[in-house]
C-alpha atoms as a PDB file:
ATOM      1  CA  MET A   1      12.685 -41.336   0.382  1.00  0.00           C
ATOM      2  CA  SER A   2      15.362 -39.402  -1.462  1.00  0.00           C
ATOM      3  CA  GLU A   3      16.102 -35.770  -0.701  1.00  0.00           C
ATOM      4  CA  ALA A   4      14.626 -33.178  -3.021  1.00  0.00           C
ATOM      5  CA  ALA A   5      17.083 -31.708  -5.463  1.00  0.00           C
ATOM      6  CA  PRO A   6      18.109 -28.135  -4.552  1.00  0.00           C
ATOM      7  CA  GLU A   7      16.314 -25.401  -6.439  1.00  0.00           C
ATOM      8  CA  LYS A   8      18.355 -23.994  -9.323  1.00  0.00           C
ATOM      9  CA  SER A   9      18.894 -20.266  -9.440  1.00  0.00           C
ATOM     10  CA  PRO A  10      17.427 -18.541 -12.494  1.00  0.00           C
ATOM     11  CA  PRO A  11      20.013 -17.879 -15.196  1.00  0.00           C
ATOM     12  CA  ALA A  12      21.738 -14.533 -14.813  1.00  0.00           C
ATOM     13  CA  ARG A  13      20.515 -11.827 -17.138  1.00  0.00           C
ATOM     14  CA  LYS A  14      23.006 -10.042 -19.335  1.00  0.00           C
ATOM     15  CA  ARG A  15      23.791  -6.485 -18.317  1.00  0.00           C
ATOM     16  CA  PHE A  16      22.672  -3.500 -20.413  1.00  0.00           C
ATOM     17  CA  LEU A  17      20.355  -5.617 -22.530  1.00  0.00           C
ATOM     18  CA  ASP A  18      16.702  -5.430 -21.501  1.00  0.00           C
ATOM     19  CA  PRO A  19      15.346  -1.894 -21.979  1.00  0.00           C
ATOM     20  CA  ASP A  20      12.958  -2.304 -19.035  1.00  0.00           C
ATOM     21  CA  VAL A  21      14.873  -4.360 -16.462  1.00  0.00           C
ATOM     22  CA  THR A  22      18.465  -4.409 -15.210  1.00  0.00           C
ATOM     23  CA  ALA A  23      20.416  -7.652 -14.891  1.00  0.00           C
ATOM     24  CA  ASP A  24      19.414  -7.968 -11.227  1.00  0.00           C
ATOM     25  CA  GLY A  25      15.719  -7.509 -12.027  1.00  0.00           C
ATOM     26  CA  ALA A  26      15.241  -3.873 -10.995  1.00  0.00           C
ATOM     27  CA  PRO A  27      13.228  -1.455 -13.169  1.00  0.00           C
ATOM     28  CA  ARG A  28      15.687   0.210 -15.529  1.00  0.00           C
ATOM     29  CA  ALA A  29      16.062   3.980 -15.385  1.00  0.00           C
ATOM     30  CA  LYS A  30      14.685   5.901 -18.334  1.00  0.00           C
ATOM     31  CA  ALA A  31      15.128   9.498 -19.406  1.00  0.00           C
ATOM     32  CA  PRO A  32      11.906  11.303 -20.291  1.00  0.00           C
ATOM     33  CA  PHE A  33      11.894  13.599 -23.286  1.00  0.00           C
ATOM     34  CA  ARG A  34      11.184  17.026 -21.833  1.00  0.00           C
ATOM     35  CA  GLY A  35      11.777  19.098 -24.948  1.00  0.00           C
ATOM     36  CA  LEU A  36      14.464  19.685 -27.556  1.00  0.00           C
ATOM     37  CA  GLU A  37      17.145  22.119 -26.450  1.00  0.00           C
ATOM     38  CA  THR A  38      20.097  20.909 -28.552  1.00  0.00           C
ATOM     39  CA  LEU A  39      20.022  19.106 -31.870  1.00  0.00           C
ATOM     40  CA  TRP A  40      23.318  17.410 -32.604  1.00  0.00           C
ATOM     41  CA  VAL A  41      24.409  16.631 -36.133  1.00  0.00           C
ATOM     42  CA  ASN A  42      27.014  13.995 -36.855  1.00  0.00           C
ATOM     43  CA  THR A  43      28.702  15.368 -39.957  1.00  0.00           C
ATOM     44  CA  GLY A  44      30.302  11.970 -40.734  1.00  0.00           C
ATOM     45  CA  THR A  45      32.834   9.717 -39.020  1.00  0.00           C
ATOM     46  CA  LEU A  46      35.728  10.472 -41.361  1.00  0.00           C
ATOM     47  CA  CYS A  47      38.537  12.350 -39.617  1.00  0.00           C
ATOM     48  CA  ASN A  48      41.943  13.637 -40.640  1.00  0.00           C
ATOM     49  CA  ILE A  49      43.560  11.768 -37.725  1.00  0.00           C
ATOM     50  CA  GLU A  50      43.033   8.507 -35.854  1.00  0.00           C
ATOM     51  CA  CYS A  51      43.130   8.822 -32.077  1.00  0.00           C
ATOM     52  CA  ALA A  52      44.302   5.934 -29.933  1.00  0.00           C
ATOM     53  CA  HIS A  53      41.052   5.974 -27.922  1.00  0.00           C
ATOM     54  CA  CYS A  54      38.143   7.417 -29.890  1.00  0.00           C
ATOM     55  CA  TYR A  55      34.670   6.429 -28.676  1.00  0.00           C
ATOM     56  CA  ILE A  56      33.293   6.707 -32.224  1.00  0.00           C
ATOM     57  CA  GLU A  57      36.382   5.201 -33.920  1.00  0.00           C
ATOM     58  CA  SER A  58      36.783   8.134 -36.286  1.00  0.00           C
ATOM     59  CA  SER A  59      39.644   7.862 -38.757  1.00  0.00           C
ATOM     60  CA  PRO A  60      40.621   8.710 -42.349  1.00  0.00           C
ATOM     61  CA  THR A  61      38.886   5.460 -43.449  1.00  0.00           C
ATOM     62  CA  ASN A  62      35.849   5.080 -41.153  1.00  0.00           C
ATOM     63  CA  ASP A  63      32.773   6.166 -43.122  1.00  0.00           C
ATOM     64  CA  ARG A  64      30.179   4.136 -41.202  1.00  0.00           C
ATOM     65  CA  LEU A  65      28.391   7.463 -40.803  1.00  0.00           C
ATOM     66  CA  ILE A  66      28.605   9.288 -44.113  1.00  0.00           C
ATOM     67  CA  TYR A  67      28.711  13.013 -44.771  1.00  0.00           C
ATOM     68  CA  ILE A  68      25.317  14.555 -44.193  1.00  0.00           C
ATOM     69  CA  THR A  69      24.428  17.226 -46.747  1.00  0.00           C
ATOM     70  CA  ALA A  70      22.945  20.660 -46.173  1.00  0.00           C
ATOM     71  CA  ALA A  71      19.873  19.661 -48.191  1.00  0.00           C
ATOM     72  CA  ALA A  72      19.310  16.501 -46.120  1.00  0.00           C
ATOM     73  CA  LEU A  73      19.764  18.388 -42.859  1.00  0.00           C
ATOM     74  CA  ALA A  74      17.365  21.237 -43.680  1.00  0.00           C
ATOM     75  CA  PRO A  75      14.128  19.349 -42.756  1.00  0.00           C
ATOM     76  CA  PHE A  76      15.594  18.476 -39.365  1.00  0.00           C
ATOM     77  CA  LEU A  77      16.503  22.121 -38.809  1.00  0.00           C
ATOM     78  CA  ASP A  78      12.900  22.999 -39.695  1.00  0.00           C
ATOM     79  CA  GLU A  79      11.707  20.552 -37.050  1.00  0.00           C
ATOM     80  CA  ALA A  80      14.228  21.723 -34.464  1.00  0.00           C
ATOM     81  CA  GLU A  81      13.200  25.334 -34.970  1.00  0.00           C
ATOM     82  CA  ALA A  82       9.509  24.426 -34.636  1.00  0.00           C
ATOM     83  CA  MET A  83      10.222  22.442 -31.449  1.00  0.00           C
ATOM     84  CA  GLY A  84      11.915  25.421 -29.814  1.00  0.00           C
ATOM     85  CA  ALA A  85      15.523  24.220 -29.900  1.00  0.00           C
ATOM     86  CA  ALA A  86      18.118  26.816 -28.973  1.00  0.00           C
ATOM     87  CA  GLU A  87      21.303  25.205 -30.266  1.00  0.00           C
ATOM     88  CA  ILE A  88      22.621  23.073 -33.108  1.00  0.00           C
ATOM     89  CA  GLY A  89      25.812  21.169 -32.327  1.00  0.00           C
ATOM     90  CA  PHE A  90      28.050  19.693 -35.016  1.00  0.00           C
ATOM     91  CA  THR A  91      30.353  16.793 -34.251  1.00  0.00           C
ATOM     92  CA  GLY A  92      32.154  14.088 -36.205  1.00  0.00           C
ATOM     93  CA  GLY A  93      34.614  12.686 -37.139  1.00  0.00           C
ATOM     94  CA  GLU A  94      36.089  16.049 -37.897  1.00  0.00           C
ATOM     95  CA  PRO A  95      33.223  18.322 -38.971  1.00  0.00           C
ATOM     96  CA  PHE A  96      35.349  20.375 -41.343  1.00  0.00           C
ATOM     97  CA  MET A  97      36.052  17.291 -43.434  1.00  0.00           C
ATOM     98  CA  ASN A  98      32.425  17.597 -44.575  1.00  0.00           C
ATOM     99  CA  PRO A  99      32.270  19.936 -47.603  1.00  0.00           C
ATOM    100  CA  ASP A 100      28.851  21.262 -46.467  1.00  0.00           C
ATOM    101  CA  MET A 101      29.943  22.126 -42.923  1.00  0.00           C
ATOM    102  CA  THR A 102      29.957  25.913 -43.195  1.00  0.00           C
ATOM    103  CA  ALA A 103      26.781  25.893 -45.307  1.00  0.00           C
ATOM    104  CA  MET A 104      24.984  23.866 -42.627  1.00  0.00           C
ATOM    105  CA  ALA A 105      26.240  26.192 -39.904  1.00  0.00           C
ATOM    106  CA  GLY A 106      25.038  29.175 -41.901  1.00  0.00           C
ATOM    107  CA  ASP A 107      21.601  27.622 -42.388  1.00  0.00           C
ATOM    108  CA  ALA A 108      21.235  27.037 -38.642  1.00  0.00           C
ATOM    109  CA  LEU A 109      22.510  30.500 -37.733  1.00  0.00           C
ATOM    110  CA  SER A 110      20.190  32.183 -40.231  1.00  0.00           C
ATOM    111  CA  ARG A 111      17.244  30.702 -38.309  1.00  0.00           C
ATOM    112  CA  GLY A 112      18.310  32.424 -35.099  1.00  0.00           C
ATOM    113  CA  LEU A 113      19.795  29.266 -33.568  1.00  0.00           C
ATOM    114  CA  ARG A 114      23.114  29.076 -31.763  1.00  0.00           C
ATOM    115  CA  VAL A 115      25.754  26.854 -33.380  1.00  0.00           C
ATOM    116  CA  LEU A 116      28.470  24.878 -31.610  1.00  0.00           C
ATOM    117  CA  ILE A 117      31.130  23.140 -33.717  1.00  0.00           C
ATOM    118  CA  LEU A 118      33.437  20.536 -32.164  1.00  0.00           C
ATOM    119  CA  THR A 119      36.758  20.484 -34.021  1.00  0.00           C
ATOM    120  CA  ASN A 120      40.390  19.475 -33.662  1.00  0.00           C
ATOM    121  CA  ALA A 121      41.224  22.848 -35.325  1.00  0.00           C
ATOM    122  CA  MET A 122      43.763  21.183 -37.596  1.00  0.00           C
ATOM    123  CA  ARG A 123      44.212  21.214 -41.362  1.00  0.00           C
ATOM    124  CA  PRO A 124      40.558  20.701 -42.423  1.00  0.00           C
ATOM    125  CA  MET A 125      39.512  23.840 -40.519  1.00  0.00           C
ATOM    126  CA  MET A 126      42.559  25.784 -41.613  1.00  0.00           C
ATOM    127  CA  ARG A 127      41.977  25.425 -45.351  1.00  0.00           C
ATOM    128  CA  PRO A 128      41.662  28.936 -46.860  1.00  0.00           C
ATOM    129  CA  ASN A 129      38.096  28.472 -48.147  1.00  0.00           C
ATOM    130  CA  VAL A 130      36.923  27.183 -44.746  1.00  0.00           C
ATOM    131  CA  ARG A 131      38.612  30.004 -42.862  1.00  0.00           C
ATOM    132  CA  GLN A 132      37.082  32.576 -45.195  1.00  0.00           C
ATOM    133  CA  ALA A 133      33.616  31.105 -44.694  1.00  0.00           C
ATOM    134  CA  LEU A 134      34.070  31.037 -40.918  1.00  0.00           C
ATOM    135  CA  VAL A 135      35.199  34.659 -40.883  1.00  0.00           C
ATOM    136  CA  ARG A 136      32.044  35.622 -42.796  1.00  0.00           C
ATOM    137  CA  LEU A 137      29.841  33.701 -40.364  1.00  0.00           C
ATOM    138  CA  ARG A 138      31.629  35.251 -37.398  1.00  0.00           C
ATOM    139  CA  ALA A 139      31.191  38.754 -38.845  1.00  0.00           C
ATOM    140  CA  ARG A 140      27.481  38.205 -39.459  1.00  0.00           C
ATOM    141  CA  TYR A 141      26.425  36.202 -36.407  1.00  0.00           C
ATOM    142  CA  GLY A 142      29.005  37.004 -33.741  1.00  0.00           C
ATOM    143  CA  ALA A 143      28.909  34.991 -30.526  1.00  0.00           C
ATOM    144  CA  ARG A 144      26.036  32.784 -31.713  1.00  0.00           C
ATOM    145  CA  LEU A 145      28.768  30.797 -33.479  1.00  0.00           C
ATOM    146  CA  SER A 146      30.900  28.921 -30.949  1.00  0.00           C
ATOM    147  CA  MET A 147      33.921  26.706 -31.563  1.00  0.00           C
ATOM    148  CA  ARG A 148      35.011  23.979 -29.138  1.00  0.00           C
ATOM    149  CA  VAL A 149      38.558  22.766 -29.750  1.00  0.00           C
ATOM    150  CA  SER A 150      39.608  19.285 -28.644  1.00  0.00           C
ATOM    151  CA  ILE A 151      42.875  19.308 -26.673  1.00  0.00           C
ATOM    152  CA  ASP A 152      43.131  16.000 -24.886  1.00  0.00           C
ATOM    153  CA  HIS A 153      45.864  17.056 -22.457  1.00  0.00           C
ATOM    154  CA  TYR A 154      47.724  20.239 -21.605  1.00  0.00           C
ATOM    155  CA  ALA A 155      51.110  18.526 -22.138  1.00  0.00           C
ATOM    156  CA  ALA A 156      52.093  18.117 -25.785  1.00  0.00           C
ATOM    157  CA  PRO A 157      53.689  14.637 -25.423  1.00  0.00           C
ATOM    158  CA  VAL A 158      50.566  13.225 -23.740  1.00  0.00           C
ATOM    159  CA  HIS A 159      48.230  14.805 -26.294  1.00  0.00           C
ATOM    160  CA  ASP A 160      50.377  13.575 -29.178  1.00  0.00           C
ATOM    161  CA  ALA A 161      50.510  10.043 -27.756  1.00  0.00           C
ATOM    162  CA  GLU A 162      46.738  10.028 -28.200  1.00  0.00           C
ATOM    163  CA  ARG A 163      46.427  11.962 -31.479  1.00  0.00           C
ATOM    164  CA  GLY A 164      49.697  11.550 -33.324  1.00  0.00           C
ATOM    165  CA  ALA A 165      53.029  13.344 -33.520  1.00  0.00           C
ATOM    166  CA  GLY A 166      52.721  17.059 -34.219  1.00  0.00           C
ATOM    167  CA  GLY A 167      49.015  17.132 -33.426  1.00  0.00           C
ATOM    168  CA  PHE A 168      49.366  19.376 -30.383  1.00  0.00           C
ATOM    169  CA  GLU A 169      51.122  22.200 -32.205  1.00  0.00           C
ATOM    170  CA  ALA A 170      48.763  21.960 -35.185  1.00  0.00           C
ATOM    171  CA  THR A 171      45.765  22.270 -32.884  1.00  0.00           C
ATOM    172  CA  MET A 172      47.324  25.140 -30.934  1.00  0.00           C
ATOM    173  CA  ALA A 173      47.893  26.992 -34.226  1.00  0.00           C
ATOM    174  CA  GLY A 174      44.212  26.571 -35.048  1.00  0.00           C
ATOM    175  CA  LEU A 175      43.188  27.708 -31.571  1.00  0.00           C
ATOM    176  CA  ALA A 176      45.384  30.792 -31.924  1.00  0.00           C
ATOM    177  CA  TRP A 177      43.790  31.637 -35.280  1.00  0.00           C
ATOM    178  CA  LEU A 178      40.304  31.363 -33.784  1.00  0.00           C
ATOM    179  CA  ALA A 179      41.279  33.502 -30.790  1.00  0.00           C
ATOM    180  CA  GLU A 180      42.820  36.180 -32.983  1.00  0.00           C
ATOM    181  CA  GLY A 181      39.650  36.211 -35.084  1.00  0.00           C
ATOM    182  CA  GLY A 182      37.446  36.884 -32.066  1.00  0.00           C
ATOM    183  CA  PHE A 183      35.526  33.607 -32.238  1.00  0.00           C
ATOM    184  CA  ARG A 184      33.657  32.467 -29.157  1.00  0.00           C
ATOM    185  CA  LEU A 185      35.830  29.621 -27.865  1.00  0.00           C
ATOM    186  CA  SER A 186      35.976  26.700 -25.491  1.00  0.00           C
ATOM    187  CA  VAL A 187      38.281  23.700 -25.119  1.00  0.00           C
ATOM    188  CA  ALA A 188      37.387  20.054 -24.528  1.00  0.00           C
ATOM    189  CA  GLY A 189      39.850  17.971 -22.516  1.00  0.00           C
ATOM    190  CA  ARG A 190      39.705  14.422 -21.201  1.00  0.00           C
ATOM    191  CA  MET A 191      40.002  12.840 -17.777  1.00  0.00           C
ATOM    192  CA  ARG A 192      41.722   9.815 -19.258  1.00  0.00           C
ATOM    193  CA  TRP A 193      44.942  10.140 -17.306  1.00  0.00           C
ATOM    194  CA  ASP A 194      45.584   9.579 -13.613  1.00  0.00           C
ATOM    195  CA  GLU A 195      45.041  13.172 -12.484  1.00  0.00           C
ATOM    196  CA  ASP A 196      42.275  14.757 -10.483  1.00  0.00           C
ATOM    197  CA  GLU A 197      40.197  17.576 -11.941  1.00  0.00           C
ATOM    198  CA  ASP A 198      41.996  20.334 -10.021  1.00  0.00           C
ATOM    199  CA  ALA A 199      45.354  19.213 -11.391  1.00  0.00           C
ATOM    200  CA  VAL A 200      44.018  19.045 -14.950  1.00  0.00           C
ATOM    201  CA  ARG A 201      42.477  22.510 -14.732  1.00  0.00           C
ATOM    202  CA  ALA A 202      45.704  23.905 -13.275  1.00  0.00           C
ATOM    203  CA  GLY A 203      47.684  22.378 -16.143  1.00  0.00           C
ATOM    204  CA  PHE A 204      45.360  23.882 -18.743  1.00  0.00           C
ATOM    205  CA  ALA A 205      45.506  27.248 -16.947  1.00  0.00           C
ATOM    206  CA  ARG A 206      49.281  27.245 -17.404  1.00  0.00           C
ATOM    207  CA  LEU A 207      48.876  26.302 -21.060  1.00  0.00           C
ATOM    208  CA  PHE A 208      46.299  29.034 -21.740  1.00  0.00           C
ATOM    209  CA  ALA A 209      48.480  31.648 -20.015  1.00  0.00           C
ATOM    210  CA  ARG A 210      51.595  30.559 -21.909  1.00  0.00           C
ATOM    211  CA  ARG A 211      49.807  30.607 -25.276  1.00  0.00           C
ATOM    212  CA  GLY A 212      47.709  33.728 -24.669  1.00  0.00           C
ATOM    213  CA  ALA A 213      44.409  31.861 -25.041  1.00  0.00           C
ATOM    214  CA  PRO A 214      41.482  33.949 -23.747  1.00  0.00           C
ATOM    215  CA  LEU A 215      40.061  31.107 -21.648  1.00  0.00           C
ATOM    216  CA  ASP A 216      39.544  30.536 -17.925  1.00  0.00           C
ATOM    217  CA  ALA A 217      40.488  26.948 -17.120  1.00  0.00           C
ATOM    218  CA  ALA A 218      38.522  27.108 -13.871  1.00  0.00           C
ATOM    219  CA  ASN A 219      35.306  27.857 -15.769  1.00  0.00           C
ATOM    220  CA  PRO A 220      33.517  24.652 -16.907  1.00  0.00           C
ATOM    221  CA  GLN A 221      32.093  26.590 -19.859  1.00  0.00           C
ATOM    222  CA  ASP A 222      35.588  27.469 -21.094  1.00  0.00           C
ATOM    223  CA  LEU A 223      37.203  24.108 -20.325  1.00  0.00           C
ATOM    224  CA  VAL A 224      34.907  21.097 -20.616  1.00  0.00           C
ATOM    225  CA  LEU A 225      36.445  17.945 -19.113  1.00  0.00           C
ATOM    226  CA  PHE A 226      34.877  14.701 -20.273  1.00  0.00           C
ATOM    227  CA  PRO A 227      34.990  11.441 -18.315  1.00  0.00           C
ATOM    228  CA  GLU A 228      36.616   8.540 -20.127  1.00  0.00           C
ATOM    229  CA  MET A 229      34.340   6.165 -22.013  1.00  0.00           C
ATOM    230  CA  ASP A 230      36.192   2.860 -21.838  1.00  0.00           C
ATOM    231  CA  GLU A 231      33.599   0.193 -22.685  1.00  0.00           C
ATOM    232  CA  ALA A 232      35.827  -2.503 -21.176  1.00  0.00           C
ATOM    233  CA  ALA A 233      35.833  -0.872 -17.736  1.00  0.00           C
ATOM    234  CA  PRO A 234      33.093  -2.083 -15.360  1.00  0.00           C
ATOM    235  CA  VAL A 235      30.238   0.311 -14.629  1.00  0.00           C
ATOM    236  CA  PRO A 236      26.969  -0.300 -12.766  1.00  0.00           C
ATOM    237  CA  GLU A 237      23.596  -0.321 -14.462  1.00  0.00           C
ATOM    238  CA  ILE A 238      21.261   2.523 -13.570  1.00  0.00           C
ATOM    239  CA  SER A 239      17.924   1.492 -12.091  1.00  0.00           C
ATOM    240  CA  GLU A 240      15.022   3.732 -11.125  1.00  0.00           C
ATOM    241  CA  GLY A 241      16.140   3.493  -7.508  1.00  0.00           C
ATOM    242  CA  CYS A 242      19.508   5.042  -8.336  1.00  0.00           C
ATOM    243  CA  TRP A 243      18.073   8.518  -8.846  1.00  0.00           C
ATOM    244  CA  GLY A 244      17.353   9.015  -5.155  1.00  0.00           C
ATOM    245  CA  VAL A 245      20.596   7.386  -4.039  1.00  0.00           C
ATOM    246  CA  LEU A 246      22.661   9.607  -6.360  1.00  0.00           C
ATOM    247  CA  GLY A 247      20.621  12.735  -5.709  1.00  0.00           C
ATOM    248  CA  LYS A 248      19.953  13.171  -9.430  1.00  0.00           C
ATOM    249  CA  ARG A 249      16.876  13.483 -11.613  1.00  0.00           C
ATOM    250  CA  PRO A 250      16.070  11.529 -14.797  1.00  0.00           C
ATOM    251  CA  ASP A 251      15.404  14.715 -16.753  1.00  0.00           C
ATOM    252  CA  ASP A 252      18.939  15.996 -16.042  1.00  0.00           C
ATOM    253  CA  VAL A 253      20.637  13.561 -18.435  1.00  0.00           C
ATOM    254  CA  MET A 254      21.548  14.659 -21.931  1.00  0.00           C
ATOM    255  CA  CYS A 255      18.987  12.595 -23.847  1.00  0.00           C
ATOM    256  CA  ALA A 256      16.131  14.315 -21.992  1.00  0.00           C
ATOM    257  CA  THR A 257      16.791  17.452 -24.045  1.00  0.00           C
ATOM    258  CA  SER A 258      18.869  16.489 -27.078  1.00  0.00           C
ATOM    259  CA  ARG A 259      18.916  14.224 -30.127  1.00  0.00           C
ATOM    260  CA  MET A 260      21.438  13.597 -32.918  1.00  0.00           C
ATOM    261  CA  VAL A 261      20.935  13.304 -36.655  1.00  0.00           C
ATOM    262  CA  ILE A 262      23.083  10.638 -38.333  1.00  0.00           C
ATOM    263  CA  HIS A 263      23.326   9.194 -41.828  1.00  0.00           C
ATOM    264  CA  ARG A 264      24.402   5.565 -41.832  1.00  0.00           C
ATOM    265  CA  LYS A 265      26.365   4.283 -44.802  1.00  0.00           C
ATOM    266  CA  GLY A 266      23.943   2.508 -47.127  1.00  0.00           C
ATOM    267  CA  ALA A 267      20.845   4.071 -45.554  1.00  0.00           C
ATOM    268  CA  PRO A 268      18.566   5.959 -47.967  1.00  0.00           C
ATOM    269  CA  ALA A 269      18.191   8.944 -45.631  1.00  0.00           C
ATOM    270  CA  PRO A 270      19.392  10.331 -42.296  1.00  0.00           C
ATOM    271  CA  SER A 271      17.765   9.218 -39.046  1.00  0.00           C
ATOM    272  CA  VAL A 272      17.668  10.338 -35.427  1.00  0.00           C
ATOM    273  CA  ALA A 273      19.718   8.779 -32.625  1.00  0.00           C
ATOM    274  CA  ALA A 274      18.996   9.275 -28.949  1.00  0.00           C
ATOM    275  CA  CYS A 275      22.543  10.219 -28.046  1.00  0.00           C
ATOM    276  CA  THR A 276      25.783  11.614 -29.445  1.00  0.00           C
ATOM    277  CA  LEU A 277      27.769   8.867 -27.718  1.00  0.00           C
ATOM    278  CA  ILE A 278      26.027   5.767 -29.067  1.00  0.00           C
ATOM    279  CA  PRO A 279      25.797   6.218 -32.849  1.00  0.00           C
ATOM    280  CA  TYR A 280      26.254   2.598 -33.913  1.00  0.00           C
ATOM    281  CA  ASP A 281      23.861   0.756 -31.588  1.00  0.00           C
ATOM    282  CA  PRO A 282      20.557   0.267 -33.471  1.00  0.00           C
ATOM    283  CA  ARG A 283      18.636   0.268 -30.174  1.00  0.00           C
ATOM    284  CA  PHE A 284      19.376   3.982 -29.905  1.00  0.00           C
ATOM    285  CA  GLU A 285      18.281   4.869 -33.431  1.00  0.00           C
ATOM    286  CA  ILE A 286      14.777   5.964 -32.497  1.00  0.00           C
ATOM    287  CA  GLY A 287      13.148   7.747 -35.409  1.00  0.00           C
ATOM    288  CA  ALA A 288      13.164   8.991 -38.967  1.00  0.00           C
ATOM    289  CA  SER A 289      12.201  12.444 -37.712  1.00  0.00           C
ATOM    290  CA  LEU A 290      12.586  14.478 -34.546  1.00  0.00           C
ATOM    291  CA  ALA A 291       8.861  14.158 -33.880  1.00  0.00           C
ATOM    292  CA  GLU A 292       9.134  10.364 -34.005  1.00  0.00           C
ATOM    293  CA  ALA A 293      12.194  10.448 -31.735  1.00  0.00           C
ATOM    294  CA  ALA A 294      10.516  12.617 -29.085  1.00  0.00           C
ATOM    295  CA  ARG A 295      10.025   9.784 -26.586  1.00  0.00           C
ATOM    296  CA  PRO A 296      11.685   8.359 -23.453  1.00  0.00           C
ATOM    297  CA  VAL A 297      15.060   6.632 -23.717  1.00  0.00           C
ATOM    298  CA  ALA A 298      16.017   3.554 -21.704  1.00  0.00           C
ATOM    299  CA  LEU A 299      19.473   3.986 -20.159  1.00  0.00           C
ATOM    300  CA  ASN A 300      20.683   0.540 -21.184  1.00  0.00           C
ATOM    301  CA  HIS A 301      24.215   1.248 -22.385  1.00  0.00           C
ATOM    302  CA  PRO A 302      27.426   1.581 -20.320  1.00  0.00           C
ATOM    303  CA  HIS A 303      27.937   5.131 -21.640  1.00  0.00           C
ATOM    304  CA  CYS A 304      24.585   6.150 -20.103  1.00  0.00           C
ATOM    305  CA  ALA A 305      25.981   5.337 -16.670  1.00  0.00           C
ATOM    306  CA  ARG A 306      29.632   6.260 -17.182  1.00  0.00           C
ATOM    307  CA  PHE A 307      29.287   9.566 -19.017  1.00  0.00           C
ATOM    308  CA  CYS A 308      25.899  11.030 -18.166  1.00  0.00           C
ATOM    309  CA  VAL A 309      24.589   9.695 -14.846  1.00  0.00           C
ATOM    310  CA  LEU A 310      27.778   8.974 -12.876  1.00  0.00           C
ATOM    311  CA  GLY A 311      30.066  11.258 -14.895  1.00  0.00           C
ATOM    312  CA  GLY A 312      27.597  14.140 -14.805  1.00  0.00           C
ATOM    313  CA  ALA A 313      28.725  15.246 -18.264  1.00  0.00           C
ATOM    314  CA  SER A 314      26.941  16.754 -21.222  1.00  0.00           C
ATOM    315  CA  CYS A 315      28.151  17.496 -24.738  1.00  0.00           C
ATOM    316  CA  SER A 316      26.113  20.702 -25.015  1.00  0.00           C
ATOM    317  CA  GLY A 317      27.605  24.119 -24.555  1.00  0.00           C
END
């Protein structure tokens, strides 16, 4: 009698694929929707520069997400206001490339909402008509308008290696203009380089002191440091069992309290994505309205683990 053939192992599942189960068969972690606090708006993926490592691949030619208009955004602002949101965040691309940027900010501010604009503070923001509009908004709404300036690294050569020659000084000129104008400010840096957080904050503290920037580098509200989002780097999947191991809660992650409006090129209208970090993956486009998108989100993308759960980061201010 011949020996029985050995049992074959089941084929390995692909990672970050099944919305309900991880590759090793564990129940996948999901973020509940516990209410809208921040509505993000992607103003379009066009940007005046092309960074070496941009998670959204913004550039002067990338229009995969087209400019959203003030008229198209207004119904989403109506919904956000009705749902009790406190803040509208604008990101890109470079938001000030969008000709409706200041009009959209004004619409949100006029409803009593806070507005946060993420910008590289370069030429698009520094155009005279944009500066004049920002000054008017600042005069009318004060600290409810907040500007977060992207400075990848406190050393000009490192920043410029990422963003292009001359970018550091152009951004610092924009930051200085905002500071002189009394705008509420913060800076976004990156943990891309081989430095620990204390060293990065110390470097930015020296920069802020040298340039007279009214920011405290030790304060996470003044200096937001984002973990790197390299999709090629290995990262574990997040299962339901991870919450207890990590000492975290599912309703702490960003998509429990925020959504982002996007307008895909070729789409007849804007739609709602679960997350600011995953604008191109159709699995995370979850509704035509905020009401439709008010549902749990499966954490089945590497950025869910790398940025939010393990990185402990949030885009909100």
